[in-house]
Structures are given as C-alpha cells and as structure tokens.
C-alpha cells in the first residue's frame, strides 16, 4: 500500500474546538483504504512532522534573508550613482 493522503486539521469551532481531526488514505492495486485519525494518534504524528516544518521554515528564512541582502546591495549601488 502507498500513502495517498494524510490530512490533519485543527478544529476551529464546534464541540471539538481546539482538537485535531485527521484522515489518512492508502491505495493499492486492490483499492483504497481511508480511515480517520483520533487526537491521540495525531499527537503521536506531530513530533515527526515538526522536524520537517522547522527545517522548511529555516530554509525559507534563509532565502528571504538572502533576497533582502541582495536588494540592499542594489539600493546602495543605485544611491551611489545619484
């Protein structure tokens, strides 16, 4: 079976407000299986995902910082020509 979809969502209203709700789907040659994840199962998954989120955030921050520094260099060049 191959993981097709993993969805985790924080409930923002209703009786389950503040709790996570999730769904996971697997697919194979024989068909698809989808099941719902409860809050306890999701709490076990979040630490695994957290490392990836932190790594992605650092990468985005580095890219944005680099772009800001590049723009700053361009502005200095333009200012010196005036």
C-alpha atoms as a PDB file:
ATOM      1  CA  UNK A   1       0.000   0.000   0.000  1.00  0.00           C
ATOM      2  CA  UNK A   2       1.087   3.515  -0.772  1.00  0.00           C
ATOM      3  CA  UNK A   3       0.186   6.551   1.300  1.00  0.00           C
ATOM      4  CA  UNK A   4      -2.096   8.685  -0.849  1.00  0.00           C
ATOM      5  CA  UNK A   5      -3.187  11.398   1.579  1.00  0.00           C
ATOM      6  CA  UNK A   6      -2.561  12.489   5.151  1.00  0.00           C
ATOM      7  CA  UNK A   7      -4.656  15.365   6.390  1.00  0.00           C
ATOM      8  CA  UNK A   8      -4.548  16.885   9.882  1.00  0.00           C
ATOM      9  CA  UNK A   9      -6.705  19.848  10.770  1.00  0.00           C
ATOM     10  CA  UNK A  10      -7.239  21.869  13.938  1.00  0.00           C
ATOM     11  CA  UNK A  11     -10.928  22.269  14.666  1.00  0.00           C
ATOM     12  CA  UNK A  12     -11.688  25.978  14.999  1.00  0.00           C
ATOM     13  CA  UNK A  13     -15.295  25.826  16.169  1.00  0.00           C
ATOM     14  CA  UNK A  14     -17.921  23.448  17.498  1.00  0.00           C
ATOM     15  CA  UNK A  15     -17.777  20.892  20.275  1.00  0.00           C
ATOM     16  CA  UNK A  16     -14.297  19.724  19.189  1.00  0.00           C
ATOM     17  CA  UNK A  17     -12.793  23.227  19.019  1.00  0.00           C
ATOM     18  CA  UNK A  18      -9.061  23.147  19.757  1.00  0.00           C
ATOM     19  CA  UNK A  19      -8.729  19.443  18.956  1.00  0.00           C
ATOM     20  CA  UNK A  20      -7.132  17.872  15.924  1.00  0.00           C
ATOM     21  CA  UNK A  21      -9.033  15.851  13.377  1.00  0.00           C
ATOM     22  CA  UNK A  22      -7.337  13.735  10.755  1.00  0.00           C
ATOM     23  CA  UNK A  23      -7.766  11.384   7.855  1.00  0.00           C
ATOM     24  CA  UNK A  24      -5.298   9.041   6.179  1.00  0.00           C
ATOM     25  CA  UNK A  25      -5.720   7.223   2.868  1.00  0.00           C
ATOM     26  CA  UNK A  26      -3.719   4.376   1.373  1.00  0.00           C
ATOM     27  CA  UNK A  27      -4.047   2.995  -2.134  1.00  0.00           C
ATOM     28  CA  UNK A  28      -3.020  -0.315  -3.691  1.00  0.00           C
ATOM     29  CA  UNK A  29      -3.848  -2.399  -6.739  1.00  0.00           C
ATOM     30  CA  UNK A  30      -6.808  -3.736  -4.773  1.00  0.00           C
ATOM     31  CA  UNK A  31      -8.327  -0.358  -3.991  1.00  0.00           C
ATOM     32  CA  UNK A  32      -8.195   2.432  -1.460  1.00  0.00           C
ATOM     33  CA  UNK A  33      -8.498   2.412   2.322  1.00  0.00           C
ATOM     34  CA  UNK A  34      -9.319   5.580   4.237  1.00  0.00           C
ATOM     35  CA  UNK A  35      -9.543   5.878   7.992  1.00  0.00           C
ATOM     36  CA  UNK A  36      -9.988   8.687  10.461  1.00  0.00           C
ATOM     37  CA  UNK A  37      -7.317   9.606  12.994  1.00  0.00           C
ATOM     38  CA  UNK A  38      -8.217  10.497  16.559  1.00  0.00           C
ATOM     39  CA  UNK A  39      -6.493  13.158  18.676  1.00  0.00           C
ATOM     40  CA  UNK A  40      -4.213  10.615  20.387  1.00  0.00           C
ATOM     41  CA  UNK A  41      -2.977   9.212  17.074  1.00  0.00           C
ATOM     42  CA  UNK A  42      -2.375  12.701  15.713  1.00  0.00           C
ATOM     43  CA  UNK A  43      -0.420  13.707  18.833  1.00  0.00           C
ATOM     44  CA  UNK A  44       1.984  10.848  18.047  1.00  0.00           C
ATOM     45  CA  UNK A  45       2.449  12.077  14.455  1.00  0.00           C
ATOM     46  CA  UNK A  46       3.013  15.765  15.180  1.00  0.00           C
ATOM     47  CA  UNK A  47       6.555  15.435  16.637  1.00  0.00           C
ATOM     48  CA  UNK A  48       7.643  13.621  13.470  1.00  0.00           C
ATOM     49  CA  UNK A  49       6.199  16.359  11.266  1.00  0.00           C
ATOM     50  CA  UNK A  50       7.543  19.148  13.487  1.00  0.00           C
ATOM     51  CA  UNK A  51      11.160  18.478  12.482  1.00  0.00           C
ATOM     52  CA  UNK A  52      10.253  18.867   8.813  1.00  0.00           C
ATOM     53  CA  UNK A  53       8.341  22.092   9.498  1.00  0.00           C
ATOM     54  CA  UNK A  54      11.307  23.572  11.375  1.00  0.00           C
ATOM     55  CA  UNK A  55      13.691  22.636   8.547  1.00  0.00           C
ATOM     56  CA  UNK A  56      11.372  24.189   5.948  1.00  0.00           C
ATOM     57  CA  UNK A  57      10.972  27.367   8.000  1.00  0.00           C
ATOM     58  CA  UNK A  58      14.754  27.741   8.291  1.00  0.00           C
ATOM     59  CA  UNK A  59      15.146  27.273   4.546  1.00  0.00           C
ATOM     60  CA  UNK A  60      12.508  29.913   3.781  1.00  0.00           C
ATOM     61  CA  UNK A  61      14.092  32.319   6.285  1.00  0.00           C
ATOM     62  CA  UNK A  62      17.498  31.875   4.629  1.00  0.00           C
ATOM     63  CA  UNK A  63      16.036  32.527   1.182  1.00  0.00           C
ATOM     64  CA  UNK A  64      14.183  35.637   2.344  1.00  0.00           C
ATOM     65  CA  UNK A  65      17.252  36.960   4.162  1.00  0.00           C
ATOM     66  CA  UNK A  66      19.358  36.429   1.068  1.00  0.00           C
ATOM     67  CA  UNK A  67      16.816  38.287  -1.068  1.00  0.00           C
ATOM     68  CA  UNK A  68      16.703  41.215   1.358  1.00  0.00           C
ATOM     69  CA  UNK A  69      20.504  41.445   1.392  1.00  0.00           C
ATOM     70  CA  UNK A  70      20.592  41.352  -2.417  1.00  0.00           C
ATOM     71  CA  UNK A  71      18.040  44.174  -2.615  1.00  0.00           C
ATOM     72  CA  UNK A  72      20.024  46.174  -0.082  1.00  0.00           C
ATOM     73  CA  UNK A  73      23.144  45.855  -2.266  1.00  0.00           C
ATOM     74  CA  UNK A  74      21.189  47.013  -5.324  1.00  0.00           C
ATOM     75  CA  UNK A  75      19.849  50.035  -3.433  1.00  0.00           C
ATOM     76  CA  UNK A  76      23.359  51.006  -2.321  1.00  0.00           C
ATOM     77  CA  UNK A  77      24.577  50.832  -5.903  1.00  0.00           C
ATOM     78  CA  UNK A  78      21.680  52.963  -7.106  1.00  0.00           C
ATOM     79  CA  UNK A  79      22.234  55.501  -4.317  1.00  0.00           C
ATOM     80  CA  UNK A  80      25.922  55.825  -5.153  1.00  0.00           C
ATOM     81  CA  UNK A  81      25.057  56.639  -8.788  1.00  0.00           C
ATOM     82  CA  UNK A  82      22.875  59.586  -7.789  1.00  0.00           C
END
